[in-house]
Structure formats: structure tokens, C-alpha cells
Amino acid sequence: MIRRILLLCLFPLLVQAQSLKNFEKKVTEFTLANGFHFIVMERHDAPVVAFHSLVNVGTVDDPAGSSSMAHMFEHMIGKGTTSLGTTDWPEEQKALAAVEVAYDKLDEERWKGAAAKAARVQQLEGELNAAIAKANAYVDQNAYIRVINENGGVGFNAGTAPDYTTYFYSLPSNRMELWFLMQSEWFRRPVFREFYKERDIVREERRMRVESDVQGKLQELLLGTAILAHPYRNMIGWASEIEGLRAKDADKFFKKYYAPVNITIAIVGDADPALVKRLAEKYYSTIPAGAPPPPVTSVEPVQEGEKRVVLESGSQPLLTVVYKRPNQIDKDDAVFDVISAILSGGRTGLLYKELVTGKKIALEVDSGATTPAGKYPNLFQLFSVPAPEHSVEENEKAIYGIIDGLKAEKVDAATLQRVKTKLRAGLIRQLDSNSGLAGQLAFYRAEYGDWRMMFNGIDMIEKITADDVQRVVRQYFVQSGRTVAYTVPLKPVDTGAAK
């Protein structure tokens, strides 16, 4: 639900702006000849500028056999460039090339399988580690981030989603040119220094988020079961593939997906659009255009029956149910958001009232209208943690009862209005930060082709009727499009005592 979360940050600004027409007066857009698209919104109430770069590539674009490759790039941004982050770039460049040569030799021996010689593998591993250590000796640790912090920068961060990758932070407005210099240099040619150190960190993230977390395990199992063909089925990347990621392949990935035409940059705050355009021309226009990256062509086949999958676990029982749904540009996208709010909008949500406070068969319930992301057809998800002495089966039956109730009877006007009011209240409560707005502008332009779609989302929610809710539940919340995943107790280990 990234889109809806971003929308929540927008409403205070909409109230202030009163209309799209007034909002547009503060926004300037331009596209450089090589494809970089800039969105600038003036907000001169504080001498601060937020920068948000969104690259239209995410984990959904990971190459076959290289899951988590897109994720690696959020770890690379802080490593710097050819001029920042190194004590001697010419020598470091040679050392980094030597690392890849040493890695190629090791891989070649390993690929021999049973014919590989253990002593030779051990020798090549030692040579690789020595080459990595030599390359790391040239690293000026945290230089990139240090320069940002020393110039008053705040909020430096990056993130990888299934559909996109983002890079963002804020600077005082009199340091704006520093961002143009540093970010453009990274987009021109990132340096994959300490790549294998960061690869180990990504591997550890998988260990913490999936392998050591039963909910993560269940979610990974759910996605892999509900989605057969589309790369949405991959959650964080597979251990063996993460461990095999290579810097030389990251360079190929960058050249394929980080073309200027695939990047949207939003700048919000105390910024003069004319100055922004001059700086963009100065620092970004000389970056080669490159070719537009290919789209994801996998199409998920129609599901022809309910799927069920279990996870043996010694932890608290868990249940999750998903239904197939269309992508975020579908006319019913906002209806799914309203349905989710009806089901799990706090203590007044139907799931909470029925399962937690009513029957007392669940400790926690939730729902999500968009899983794992929205650019392509995806899943509507429901989640329940059964209470002690109550079963997954009880919770599952109760959830279906609520769904059937929405199919049989239209949601009452008071409930529908309450949901809409809570959505609006949620919007108002969010901070209208420069950084949040920059993220929204970049997201909507990249995902929908026009940042103005932010305004349409609110309009669509306001127009949703009880008939829409009932129609969508009847159409999509069906057994043939359903996947159920839940935990069961661990089976006793057979020690052979009976024999």
C-alpha cells in the first residue's frame, strides 16, 4: 500500500492548495534531452530543500538467478563515486578489477562440481579475500555521507520496493548545488566498492526478516504459492542467489536499468525553478541517455482453484489469506482500499469487532489492499493471529463469514462514511514535509505518468458507493482466486525408538 501511504501525507497540502489548479502554480516540470525528468515545487517557508530520486526499477526486475540485485543498489549509494570515497581512485579501480578476476577463477573451479579440488578452491578463496582486502584499503569510509552531514544534510536514506528504488535526503537551500554534484556523479558512474561486504549485510537481512522470523517465512511461502509466474513471488531474494551476487553483474544491471529516461527527480522546498533547471543542465545533461529498459513481460496465469500451504512452526499460530486482484491503475483500485479500511480500520473494523472483541478467537487481525506492490496484478491480504486455545480453522471460518456478509448485504451508509472520514482524518494527521511531498511527486509521476494523479485518488475514494464495495467483494473475493497459508505445530522428530 505504498501509494495509499504516500497519499496520506498529501491531504494537508491539498487543503492548503484548495485545488489542483492552485497547486500547479507552485510546480515546475522539465525533461532533459537525455531523459531525466525533474519536478520542482516551491515552498519558501523554510530555507531547506528535499531531494527525492526515484528509479523505476525494483526487485521485480531482478535478473534470473540474481534475486536481490536491485536491493544491492540502496547499499551502494553511500559508498560514493570515483572522486569521493576513495584515497586513490586509479589504484582502487585496478584493485576492484583484480577482485573480479580472482572471483572468476574461484567460480570456474567451483562450477566443476564433484571434479573441483578442495585444495584449489581453498587457495582461490584465499586469493579472493586478499584481493578484496587490497581494494578495501583504498576506501575512505563514509566519505559520501560525511560530506552530506557536514553540509547540514538530514534524512539520508535509500529504499528498494518491488516496483522501484528511491534515494533521498534534504539540504539547506544554500547547499543545493552540492546535491546536484554528488547525485549526478553517482548516476553517471557508481563505484561498487565494498560490494561483497554489503552483500553479506543483505544476506543477514534475509536471515533476520525471513529465516529467523516465522511471519516472514509464512509470507515468503504465501507469495511463492499464490503467484506462479510473475516475479512478485520473490520476497527478498534467495539465500544462495544473494551469496552469489557479483559486482560485475551489478554494473550490467546499472547500465540496463539506470538510464536517465527511467529516473524521476522531485525537488521540494526553498528552490528557484530557474536555478534548478540551470543546475540540472550543468550536472545532468552530459550523462549518456542510454536505452529505455525492458518491461516485465511475465503474465500471471489465471488461478483455477484454491491453494493451501502450511508451515510447520513451534511459534504462535498464524493465518493469512489472499485473493487475486488487478493492478493499481484498475478502476477498482480505490475500492480495495476502502474494503481494507472496512475490514481492519482499527477497533471499528469488522475483523477486529468479530474476531478479537466479539468471539475472542484472535489476538491480532489486519488486512492489506495491495500485496506485495501495485504496478502489476497482485493480492488483497488478510491476516490473523489466533488467540490461545483457539485454532487457525476457527479464525479462517470467521473471516469467510465476514466476507460472505459483505457479499450478501451492502455495507451500511454509516460504516462507509465512517471509513471515508477516518481516511480523511488520517490524511490530515500526516506531516506535510518537503521530503514526503517530494516522494509523492516522484512516485506518482513514475507509476502513473503524471503527479496530478495524487488528486484523483482522493476523488475516487469519495465517489465509492456501497454498491461498489459489494460488487468488488463478489467479483474478486472468491474461492478459486484464494490462497491460504498458515502454521501448524512441529511434528515430533522420529528418533527410531519405536523400532
Protein backbone atom coordinates (compact mmCIF):
# COMPACT_ATOMS: atom_id res chain seq x y z
CA MET A 1 0.00 0.00 0.00
CA ILE A 2 2.83 2.40 -0.81
CA ARG A 3 0.58 4.56 -2.97
CA ARG A 4 -2.02 4.97 -0.24
CA ILE A 5 0.63 5.71 2.39
CA LEU A 6 2.01 8.44 0.20
CA LEU A 7 -1.49 9.77 -0.30
CA LEU A 8 -1.90 10.05 3.45
CA CYS A 9 0.91 12.59 3.54
CA LEU A 10 -0.70 14.71 0.86
CA PHE A 11 -4.02 15.81 2.27
CA PRO A 12 -2.84 18.78 4.39
CA LEU A 13 -1.27 20.20 1.27
CA LEU A 14 -4.46 19.68 -0.68
CA VAL A 15 -6.43 21.54 1.96
CA GLN A 16 -3.95 24.37 1.77
CA ALA A 17 -3.82 24.41 -2.01
CA GLN A 18 -7.63 24.18 -2.33
CA SER A 19 -7.43 22.93 -5.90
CA LEU A 20 -5.19 21.25 -8.41
CA LYS A 21 -5.09 24.50 -10.34
CA ASN A 22 -3.60 26.39 -7.39
CA PHE A 23 -1.23 23.53 -6.62
CA GLU A 24 0.04 23.52 -10.20
CA LYS A 25 1.09 27.15 -9.89
CA LYS A 26 3.82 26.09 -7.48
CA VAL A 27 5.08 23.20 -9.60
CA THR A 28 7.56 23.36 -12.47
CA GLU A 29 8.41 20.34 -14.64
CA PHE A 30 11.01 19.78 -17.29
CA THR A 31 12.75 16.88 -19.01
CA LEU A 32 16.36 17.00 -20.13
CA ALA A 33 17.30 15.84 -23.61
CA ASN A 34 18.81 12.63 -22.21
CA GLY A 35 15.57 11.71 -20.39
CA PHE A 36 15.94 12.86 -16.76
CA HIS A 37 12.61 14.23 -15.58
CA PHE A 38 12.54 16.93 -12.88
CA ILE A 39 9.59 18.11 -10.79
CA VAL A 40 10.15 21.23 -8.69
CA MET A 41 7.70 22.54 -6.11
CA GLU A 42 8.34 25.85 -4.41
CA ARG A 43 7.76 26.09 -0.68
CA HIS A 44 9.73 29.03 0.68
CA ASP A 45 8.61 28.88 4.31
CA ALA A 46 11.99 27.44 5.41
CA PRO A 47 15.49 27.53 3.82
CA VAL A 48 15.51 23.78 3.22
CA VAL A 49 15.21 21.65 0.10
CA ALA A 50 14.23 17.97 -0.10
CA PHE A 51 15.52 15.81 -2.94
CA HIS A 52 13.94 12.53 -3.96
CA SER A 53 15.25 10.43 -6.84
CA LEU A 54 13.07 7.52 -7.93
CA VAL A 55 14.44 4.92 -10.31
CA ASN A 56 11.75 2.85 -11.99
CA VAL A 57 13.38 -0.48 -11.13
CA GLY A 58 12.86 -2.78 -8.18
CA THR A 59 13.11 -6.36 -7.04
CA VAL A 60 10.56 -7.30 -9.69
CA ASP A 61 13.34 -6.60 -12.22
CA ASP A 62 15.98 -8.80 -10.57
CA PRO A 63 17.72 -10.97 -13.18
CA ALA A 64 17.01 -14.70 -13.09
CA GLY A 65 19.37 -16.28 -10.59
CA SER A 66 20.32 -12.91 -9.08
CA SER A 67 17.49 -12.05 -6.71
CA SER A 68 18.22 -9.01 -4.51
CA MET A 69 20.36 -7.38 -7.19
CA ALA A 70 18.12 -4.29 -7.21
CA HIS A 71 18.34 -4.22 -3.42
CA MET A 72 22.13 -4.02 -3.58
CA PHE A 73 21.97 -0.52 -5.05
CA GLU A 74 20.47 1.07 -1.96
CA HIS A 75 23.58 -0.20 -0.19
CA MET A 76 25.87 1.23 -2.86
CA ILE A 77 24.73 4.87 -2.83
CA GLY A 78 26.61 5.63 0.41
CA LYS A 79 29.82 4.13 -0.92
CA GLY A 80 30.49 7.18 -3.06
CA THR A 81 31.87 7.85 -6.50
CA THR A 82 35.14 7.91 -8.38
CA SER A 83 36.06 11.18 -6.67
CA LEU A 84 34.51 10.72 -3.23
CA GLY A 85 35.02 7.68 -1.04
CA THR A 86 38.48 6.73 -2.23
CA THR A 87 42.04 7.61 -1.25
CA ASP A 88 43.39 6.77 -4.72
CA TRP A 89 40.84 6.05 -7.43
CA PRO A 90 43.22 4.89 -10.20
CA GLU A 91 44.75 2.30 -7.89
CA GLU A 92 41.42 1.35 -6.36
CA GLN A 93 39.96 0.82 -9.83
CA LYS A 94 42.77 -1.63 -10.64
CA ALA A 95 42.25 -3.40 -7.33
CA LEU A 96 38.49 -3.72 -7.88
CA ALA A 97 39.12 -5.21 -11.33
CA ALA A 98 41.56 -7.69 -9.74
CA VAL A 99 38.83 -8.75 -7.30
CA GLU A 100 36.55 -9.74 -10.18
CA VAL A 101 39.36 -11.66 -11.90
CA ALA A 102 40.04 -13.57 -8.69
CA TYR A 103 36.33 -14.24 -8.25
CA ASP A 104 36.05 -15.55 -11.82
CA LYS A 105 38.82 -18.06 -11.15
CA LEU A 106 37.14 -19.25 -7.95
CA ASP A 107 33.75 -19.60 -9.65
CA GLU A 108 35.29 -21.52 -12.52
CA GLU A 109 36.75 -24.06 -10.10
CA ARG A 110 33.56 -24.31 -8.05
CA TRP A 111 31.49 -24.93 -11.18
CA LYS A 112 33.40 -28.13 -11.77
CA GLY A 113 31.22 -29.67 -9.10
CA ALA A 114 32.46 -33.04 -7.91
CA ALA A 115 35.58 -32.59 -10.01
CA ALA A 116 36.58 -29.44 -8.12
CA LYS A 117 39.66 -29.86 -5.97
CA ALA A 118 39.19 -28.79 -2.38
CA ALA A 119 42.77 -27.59 -2.03
CA ARG A 120 42.48 -25.49 -5.19
CA VAL A 121 39.18 -23.97 -4.02
CA GLN A 122 40.74 -23.08 -0.68
CA GLN A 123 43.71 -21.48 -2.43
CA LEU A 124 41.48 -19.41 -4.71
CA GLU A 125 39.32 -18.33 -1.78
CA GLY A 126 42.44 -17.03 -0.09
CA GLU A 127 43.46 -15.13 -3.22
CA LEU A 128 39.99 -13.60 -3.49
CA ASN A 129 39.99 -12.49 0.14
CA ALA A 130 43.43 -10.95 -0.32
CA ALA A 131 42.23 -9.08 -3.42
CA ILE A 132 39.16 -7.77 -1.57
CA ALA A 133 41.31 -6.63 1.36
CA LYS A 134 43.64 -4.77 -1.01
CA ALA A 135 40.71 -3.00 -2.71
CA ASN A 136 39.16 -2.10 0.64
CA ALA A 137 42.41 -0.49 1.74
CA TYR A 138 41.68 2.40 -0.64
CA VAL A 139 38.23 3.11 0.82
CA ASP A 140 37.64 6.41 2.58
CA GLN A 141 34.96 5.14 4.93
CA ASN A 142 31.63 7.01 4.93
CA ALA A 143 33.08 9.94 2.96
CA TYR A 144 29.94 10.38 0.85
CA ILE A 145 27.60 10.52 3.83
CA ARG A 146 30.08 12.56 5.85
CA VAL A 147 30.11 15.36 3.27
CA ILE A 148 26.30 15.45 3.29
CA ASN A 149 26.16 15.63 7.08
CA GLU A 150 28.88 18.28 7.29
CA ASN A 151 26.82 20.48 4.97
CA GLY A 152 23.66 20.25 7.05
CA GLY A 153 22.10 17.31 5.25
CA VAL A 154 19.44 15.26 7.05
CA GLY A 155 17.42 12.15 6.32
CA PHE A 156 19.93 10.48 4.01
CA ASN A 157 18.44 7.14 3.05
CA ALA A 158 17.52 4.78 0.26
CA GLY A 159 14.92 2.06 -0.18
CA THR A 160 14.06 -0.79 -2.51
CA ALA A 161 10.48 -1.79 -3.26
CA PRO A 162 9.23 -4.42 -5.70
CA ASP A 163 8.50 -1.71 -8.29
CA TYR A 164 11.12 0.98 -7.70
CA THR A 165 14.23 2.19 -5.85
CA THR A 166 14.47 5.56 -4.10
CA TYR A 167 17.30 7.80 -2.89
CA PHE A 168 16.54 10.85 -0.76
CA TYR A 169 17.72 13.45 1.73
CA SER A 170 17.41 17.17 2.48
CA LEU A 171 19.92 20.03 2.47
CA PRO A 172 19.89 23.72 3.33
CA SER A 173 18.86 25.64 0.24
CA ASN A 174 22.26 27.34 0.00
CA ARG A 175 23.84 23.89 -0.39
CA MET A 176 21.55 22.80 -3.20
CA GLU A 177 24.31 22.62 -5.79
CA LEU A 178 26.11 20.05 -3.64
CA TRP A 179 23.25 17.61 -4.22
CA PHE A 180 23.40 18.14 -7.98
CA LEU A 181 27.15 17.48 -7.97
CA MET A 182 27.09 14.37 -5.78
CA GLN A 183 23.94 12.67 -7.02
CA SER A 184 24.70 13.27 -10.70
CA GLU A 185 28.18 11.85 -10.28
CA TRP A 186 26.72 8.69 -8.74
CA PHE A 187 24.15 8.37 -11.53
CA ARG A 188 26.95 8.83 -14.05
CA ARG A 189 29.10 6.07 -12.67
CA PRO A 190 28.58 4.43 -9.26
CA VAL A 191 31.53 2.61 -7.74
CA PHE A 192 30.82 -0.86 -6.40
CA ARG A 193 33.33 -0.61 -3.57
CA GLU A 194 32.85 -2.92 -0.60
CA PHE A 195 30.24 -4.73 -2.69
CA TYR A 196 30.85 -8.08 -1.04
CA LYS A 197 30.74 -6.57 2.44
CA GLU A 198 27.32 -5.11 1.66
CA ARG A 199 26.25 -8.37 0.06
CA ASP A 200 26.86 -10.04 3.43
CA ILE A 201 24.63 -7.40 5.05
CA VAL A 202 21.83 -8.10 2.56
CA ARG A 203 22.23 -11.80 3.31
CA GLU A 204 21.90 -11.03 7.01
CA GLU A 205 18.73 -9.04 6.31
CA ARG A 206 17.21 -12.15 4.78
CA ARG A 207 18.26 -14.16 7.80
CA MET A 208 16.60 -11.72 10.18
CA ARG A 209 13.45 -10.94 8.16
CA VAL A 210 12.69 -14.44 6.86
CA GLU A 211 14.78 -17.27 8.19
CA SER A 212 14.54 -16.19 11.85
CA ASP A 213 11.00 -14.81 11.68
CA VAL A 214 8.02 -17.12 11.32
CA GLN A 215 5.83 -14.38 9.87
CA GLY A 216 8.48 -13.67 7.24
CA LYS A 217 8.71 -17.36 6.44
CA LEU A 218 4.96 -17.64 6.10
CA GLN A 219 4.79 -14.58 3.87
CA GLU A 220 7.51 -15.92 1.59
CA LEU A 221 5.71 -19.27 1.39
CA LEU A 222 2.42 -17.50 0.68
CA LEU A 223 3.81 -15.40 -2.19
CA GLY A 224 5.57 -18.37 -3.73
CA THR A 225 2.32 -20.35 -3.63
CA ALA A 226 -0.18 -17.68 -4.67
CA ILE A 227 1.97 -16.32 -7.53
CA LEU A 228 3.27 -18.86 -10.03
CA ALA A 229 4.97 -16.95 -12.83
CA HIS A 230 5.27 -13.28 -12.01
CA PRO A 231 8.41 -12.08 -10.16
CA TYR A 232 6.21 -10.64 -7.41
CA ARG A 233 6.54 -14.14 -5.98
CA ASN A 234 10.09 -13.35 -4.80
CA MET A 235 10.04 -11.53 -1.48
CA ILE A 236 13.60 -10.58 -0.50
CA GLY A 237 15.78 -12.89 -2.56
CA TRP A 238 17.02 -16.43 -2.09
CA ALA A 239 19.99 -17.14 0.13
CA SER A 240 22.07 -18.95 -2.49
CA GLU A 241 21.45 -16.23 -5.06
CA ILE A 242 22.32 -13.41 -2.68
CA GLU A 243 25.54 -15.21 -1.76
CA GLY A 244 26.41 -15.42 -5.46
CA LEU A 245 25.79 -11.78 -6.43
CA ARG A 246 28.71 -10.24 -8.31
CA ALA A 247 29.89 -6.66 -8.69
CA LYS A 248 30.47 -7.13 -12.41
CA ASP A 249 26.81 -8.14 -12.82
CA ALA A 250 25.72 -5.12 -10.77
CA ASP A 251 27.48 -2.93 -13.32
CA LYS A 252 25.49 -4.58 -16.12
CA PHE A 253 22.28 -4.10 -14.14
CA PHE A 254 23.05 -0.42 -13.65
CA LYS A 255 23.66 0.16 -17.34
CA LYS A 256 20.41 -1.61 -18.20
CA TYR A 257 18.03 0.00 -15.71
CA TYR A 258 19.57 3.29 -14.57
CA ALA A 259 19.09 5.08 -17.88
CA PRO A 260 18.05 8.73 -17.41
CA VAL A 261 14.67 8.07 -19.03
CA ASN A 262 13.95 5.67 -16.16
CA ILE A 263 14.61 8.24 -13.41
CA THR A 264 12.32 10.87 -11.92
CA ILE A 265 13.69 13.54 -9.58
CA ALA A 266 11.45 15.62 -7.33
CA ILE A 267 12.75 18.71 -5.53
CA VAL A 268 10.56 20.42 -2.92
CA GLY A 269 11.29 23.43 -0.74
CA ASP A 270 13.14 26.71 -0.94
CA ALA A 271 14.18 26.22 -4.55
CA ASP A 272 14.11 28.59 -7.51
CA PRO A 273 12.93 26.58 -10.55
CA ALA A 274 15.14 28.61 -12.91
CA LEU A 275 18.21 27.84 -10.80
CA VAL A 276 17.23 24.18 -10.56
CA LYS A 277 16.99 23.97 -14.33
CA ARG A 278 20.42 25.59 -14.79
CA LEU A 279 22.00 23.19 -12.30
CA ALA A 280 20.24 20.21 -13.90
CA GLU A 281 21.60 21.19 -17.31
CA LYS A 282 25.07 21.70 -15.85
CA TYR A 283 25.35 18.42 -13.94
CA TYR A 284 22.86 16.00 -15.52
CA SER A 285 22.64 16.82 -19.22
CA THR A 286 26.04 15.28 -20.03
CA ILE A 287 25.09 11.84 -18.68
CA PRO A 288 24.59 9.48 -21.65
CA ALA A 289 20.94 8.80 -22.40
CA GLY A 290 21.12 5.04 -22.72
CA ALA A 291 18.24 2.87 -23.90
CA PRO A 292 14.87 2.55 -22.13
CA PRO A 293 14.92 -0.63 -20.03
CA PRO A 294 12.68 -3.55 -20.98
CA PRO A 295 9.36 -4.05 -19.15
CA VAL A 296 8.46 -7.10 -17.10
CA THR A 297 6.76 -9.40 -19.59
CA SER A 298 5.73 -12.26 -17.29
CA VAL A 299 1.95 -12.57 -17.01
CA GLU A 300 0.47 -14.44 -14.09
CA PRO A 301 -1.84 -17.23 -15.31
CA VAL A 302 -5.44 -17.36 -14.17
CA GLN A 303 -5.79 -19.24 -10.89
CA GLU A 304 -8.20 -22.14 -11.29
CA GLY A 305 -8.76 -23.23 -7.74
CA GLU A 306 -8.00 -22.57 -4.11
CA LYS A 307 -4.41 -23.15 -2.96
CA ARG A 308 -3.41 -24.11 0.56
CA VAL A 309 0.05 -24.32 2.08
CA VAL A 310 1.24 -24.99 5.63
CA LEU A 311 4.38 -24.13 7.55
CA GLU A 312 5.48 -26.25 10.47
CA SER A 313 6.46 -23.97 13.33
CA GLY A 314 6.80 -24.05 17.09
CA SER A 315 5.67 -20.44 17.37
CA GLN A 316 2.28 -18.79 17.86
CA PRO A 317 -0.19 -19.98 15.17
CA LEU A 318 -0.60 -17.63 12.22
CA LEU A 319 -3.09 -17.44 9.38
CA THR A 320 -3.06 -15.39 6.21
CA VAL A 321 -5.49 -15.41 3.29
CA VAL A 322 -5.06 -13.65 -0.05
CA TYR A 323 -7.27 -13.06 -3.07
CA LYS A 324 -6.09 -12.22 -6.58
CA ARG A 325 -6.80 -8.63 -7.61
CA PRO A 326 -5.96 -6.28 -10.54
CA ASN A 327 -3.20 -3.67 -10.61
CA GLN A 328 -3.20 -0.13 -9.26
CA ILE A 329 -4.42 1.54 -12.43
CA ASP A 330 -7.60 -0.55 -12.44
CA LYS A 331 -10.82 1.39 -11.95
CA ASP A 332 -11.50 -0.51 -8.72
CA ASP A 333 -8.14 0.13 -7.06
CA ALA A 334 -9.59 2.63 -4.56
CA VAL A 335 -12.44 0.25 -3.77
CA PHE A 336 -9.94 -2.30 -2.45
CA ASP A 337 -8.53 0.41 -0.17
CA VAL A 338 -11.99 1.12 1.23
CA ILE A 339 -12.67 -2.58 1.72
CA SER A 340 -9.43 -2.90 3.65
CA ALA A 341 -10.44 0.02 5.87
CA ILE A 342 -13.85 -1.55 6.47
CA LEU A 343 -12.24 -4.83 7.49
CA SER A 344 -9.32 -3.62 9.58
CA GLY A 345 -9.71 0.10 10.21
CA GLY A 346 -8.74 -0.10 13.86
CA ARG A 347 -11.12 -1.25 16.59
CA THR A 348 -14.15 -0.44 14.45
CA GLY A 349 -13.01 -2.74 11.66
CA LEU A 350 -15.17 -5.78 11.06
CA LEU A 351 -12.30 -8.21 11.61
CA TYR A 352 -11.43 -6.70 14.99
CA LYS A 353 -15.01 -6.45 16.16
CA GLU A 354 -15.82 -10.02 15.15
CA LEU A 355 -12.64 -11.97 15.88
CA VAL A 356 -10.94 -10.00 18.66
CA THR A 357 -13.64 -8.33 20.80
CA GLY A 358 -16.61 -10.45 19.72
CA LYS A 359 -15.72 -14.11 19.55
CA LYS A 360 -12.31 -13.50 21.20
CA ILE A 361 -10.70 -16.05 18.90
CA ALA A 362 -7.89 -13.78 17.67
CA LEU A 363 -5.25 -11.63 19.31
CA GLU A 364 -4.48 -9.57 16.23
CA VAL A 365 -6.03 -9.04 12.80
CA ASP A 366 -5.11 -6.96 9.79
CA SER A 367 -5.61 -6.57 6.07
CA GLY A 368 -3.76 -5.00 3.18
CA ALA A 369 -5.25 -3.93 -0.12
CA THR A 370 -2.05 -4.28 -2.14
CA THR A 371 0.48 -7.10 -1.67
CA PRO A 372 3.36 -7.04 -2.41
CA ALA A 373 3.08 -3.98 -4.71
CA GLY A 374 0.68 -2.45 -7.20
CA LYS A 375 2.20 -1.92 -10.63
CA TYR A 376 1.13 -5.41 -11.73
CA PRO A 377 -1.82 -7.62 -10.72
CA ASN A 378 -1.33 -8.50 -7.07
CA LEU A 379 -3.04 -9.73 -3.89
CA PHE A 380 -5.51 -8.50 -1.28
CA GLN A 381 -4.31 -9.93 2.03
CA LEU A 382 -5.98 -10.75 5.37
CA PHE A 383 -4.05 -11.76 8.47
CA SER A 384 -4.96 -13.24 11.84
CA VAL A 385 -3.14 -14.38 14.97
CA PRO A 386 -5.36 -16.92 16.75
CA ALA A 387 -5.84 -16.47 20.49
CA PRO A 388 -4.65 -19.19 22.90
CA GLU A 389 -6.92 -22.22 22.89
CA HIS A 390 -8.35 -21.15 19.52
CA SER A 391 -7.42 -22.53 16.16
CA VAL A 392 -6.47 -21.37 12.71
CA GLU A 393 -9.59 -23.15 11.45
CA GLU A 394 -11.86 -21.08 13.70
CA ASN A 395 -10.28 -17.86 12.50
CA GLU A 396 -10.44 -18.87 8.86
CA LYS A 397 -14.13 -19.74 9.13
CA ALA A 398 -14.88 -16.43 10.87
CA ILE A 399 -13.05 -14.44 8.19
CA TYR A 400 -15.07 -16.12 5.44
CA GLY A 401 -18.23 -15.34 7.38
CA ILE A 402 -17.41 -11.64 7.31
CA ILE A 403 -16.58 -11.77 3.58
CA ASP A 404 -19.83 -13.59 2.87
CA GLY A 405 -21.68 -10.95 4.87
CA LEU A 406 -20.25 -8.19 2.65
CA LYS A 407 -21.39 -10.17 -0.38
CA ALA A 408 -24.89 -10.73 0.94
CA GLU A 409 -25.62 -7.25 2.30
CA LYS A 410 -24.36 -3.84 1.31
CA VAL A 411 -22.22 -2.04 3.84
CA ASP A 412 -24.37 0.47 5.66
CA ALA A 413 -24.06 4.17 4.93
CA ALA A 414 -22.78 4.99 8.42
CA THR A 415 -19.92 2.49 8.16
CA LEU A 416 -18.96 3.65 4.70
CA GLN A 417 -18.99 7.29 5.78
CA ARG A 418 -17.00 6.47 8.91
CA VAL A 419 -14.34 4.77 6.80
CA LYS A 420 -14.09 7.75 4.48
CA THR A 421 -13.92 10.12 7.44
CA LYS A 422 -11.15 8.08 9.05
CA LEU A 423 -9.23 8.07 5.80
CA ARG A 424 -9.52 11.84 5.60
CA ALA A 425 -8.54 12.19 9.27
CA GLY A 426 -5.53 10.01 8.62
CA LEU A 427 -4.57 12.24 5.75
CA ILE A 428 -4.82 15.38 7.85
CA ARG A 429 -2.77 13.93 10.71
CA GLN A 430 0.22 13.26 8.49
CA LEU A 431 3.03 15.79 8.36
CA ASP A 432 3.23 17.72 5.14
CA SER A 433 7.02 17.57 5.00
CA ASN A 434 9.04 18.59 1.99
CA SER A 435 10.57 15.12 1.89
CA GLY A 436 7.21 13.36 1.99
CA LEU A 437 5.79 15.50 -0.77
CA ALA A 438 8.89 15.04 -2.93
CA GLY A 439 8.46 11.29 -2.60
CA GLN A 440 4.81 11.53 -3.65
CA LEU A 441 5.53 13.66 -6.68
CA ALA A 442 8.23 11.30 -7.88
CA PHE A 443 6.13 8.20 -7.17
CA TYR A 444 3.00 9.32 -8.99
CA ARG A 445 4.92 10.55 -12.00
CA ALA A 446 6.89 7.29 -12.26
CA GLU A 447 3.98 4.94 -11.51
CA TYR A 448 1.13 6.76 -13.26
CA GLY A 449 2.91 9.04 -15.72
CA ASP A 450 1.66 12.22 -14.04
CA TRP A 451 1.99 13.52 -10.47
CA ARG A 452 -1.50 15.00 -10.78
CA MET A 453 -2.91 11.53 -10.19
CA MET A 454 -2.40 12.29 -6.48
CA PHE A 455 -5.54 14.41 -6.59
CA ASN A 456 -7.59 11.79 -8.39
CA GLY A 457 -7.05 9.27 -5.60
CA ILE A 458 -8.99 11.35 -3.10
CA ASP A 459 -11.78 11.94 -5.59
CA MET A 460 -12.07 8.23 -6.31
CA ILE A 461 -12.41 7.35 -2.62
CA GLU A 462 -15.12 9.96 -2.13
CA LYS A 463 -17.13 8.54 -5.06
CA ILE A 464 -17.11 4.91 -3.87
CA THR A 465 -20.55 3.55 -3.02
CA ALA A 466 -21.86 0.56 -1.09
CA ASP A 467 -22.69 -0.98 -4.46
CA ASP A 468 -19.03 -0.72 -5.47
CA VAL A 469 -17.90 -2.45 -2.30
CA GLN A 470 -20.37 -5.31 -2.73
CA ARG A 471 -19.59 -5.70 -6.43
CA VAL A 472 -15.83 -5.91 -5.89
CA VAL A 473 -16.11 -8.35 -2.98
CA ARG A 474 -18.38 -10.59 -5.05
CA GLN A 475 -16.12 -10.41 -8.09
CA TYR A 476 -12.69 -10.93 -6.51
CA PHE A 477 -13.13 -12.50 -3.06
CA VAL A 478 -13.86 -15.94 -4.48
CA GLN A 479 -12.55 -19.36 -3.57
CA SER A 480 -10.98 -20.03 -6.97
CA GLY A 481 -8.75 -16.96 -6.57
CA ARG A 482 -7.88 -17.61 -2.96
CA THR A 483 -4.64 -18.84 -1.36
CA VAL A 484 -4.47 -19.78 2.30
CA ALA A 485 -1.23 -20.10 4.28
CA TYR A 486 -0.99 -20.99 7.95
CA THR A 487 1.26 -22.55 10.53
CA VAL A 488 0.88 -25.96 12.13
CA PRO A 489 2.74 -27.37 15.15
CA LEU A 490 6.08 -29.01 14.53
CA LYS A 491 5.89 -32.74 14.03
CA PRO A 492 7.75 -34.82 16.64
CA VAL A 493 11.17 -35.94 15.49
CA ASP A 494 11.29 -39.70 14.87
CA THR A 495 14.27 -40.91 16.88
CA GLY A 496 13.75 -44.52 15.92
CA ALA A 497 12.85 -45.51 19.48
CA ALA A 498 9.74 -47.37 18.32
CA LYS A 499 11.88 -49.61 16.20
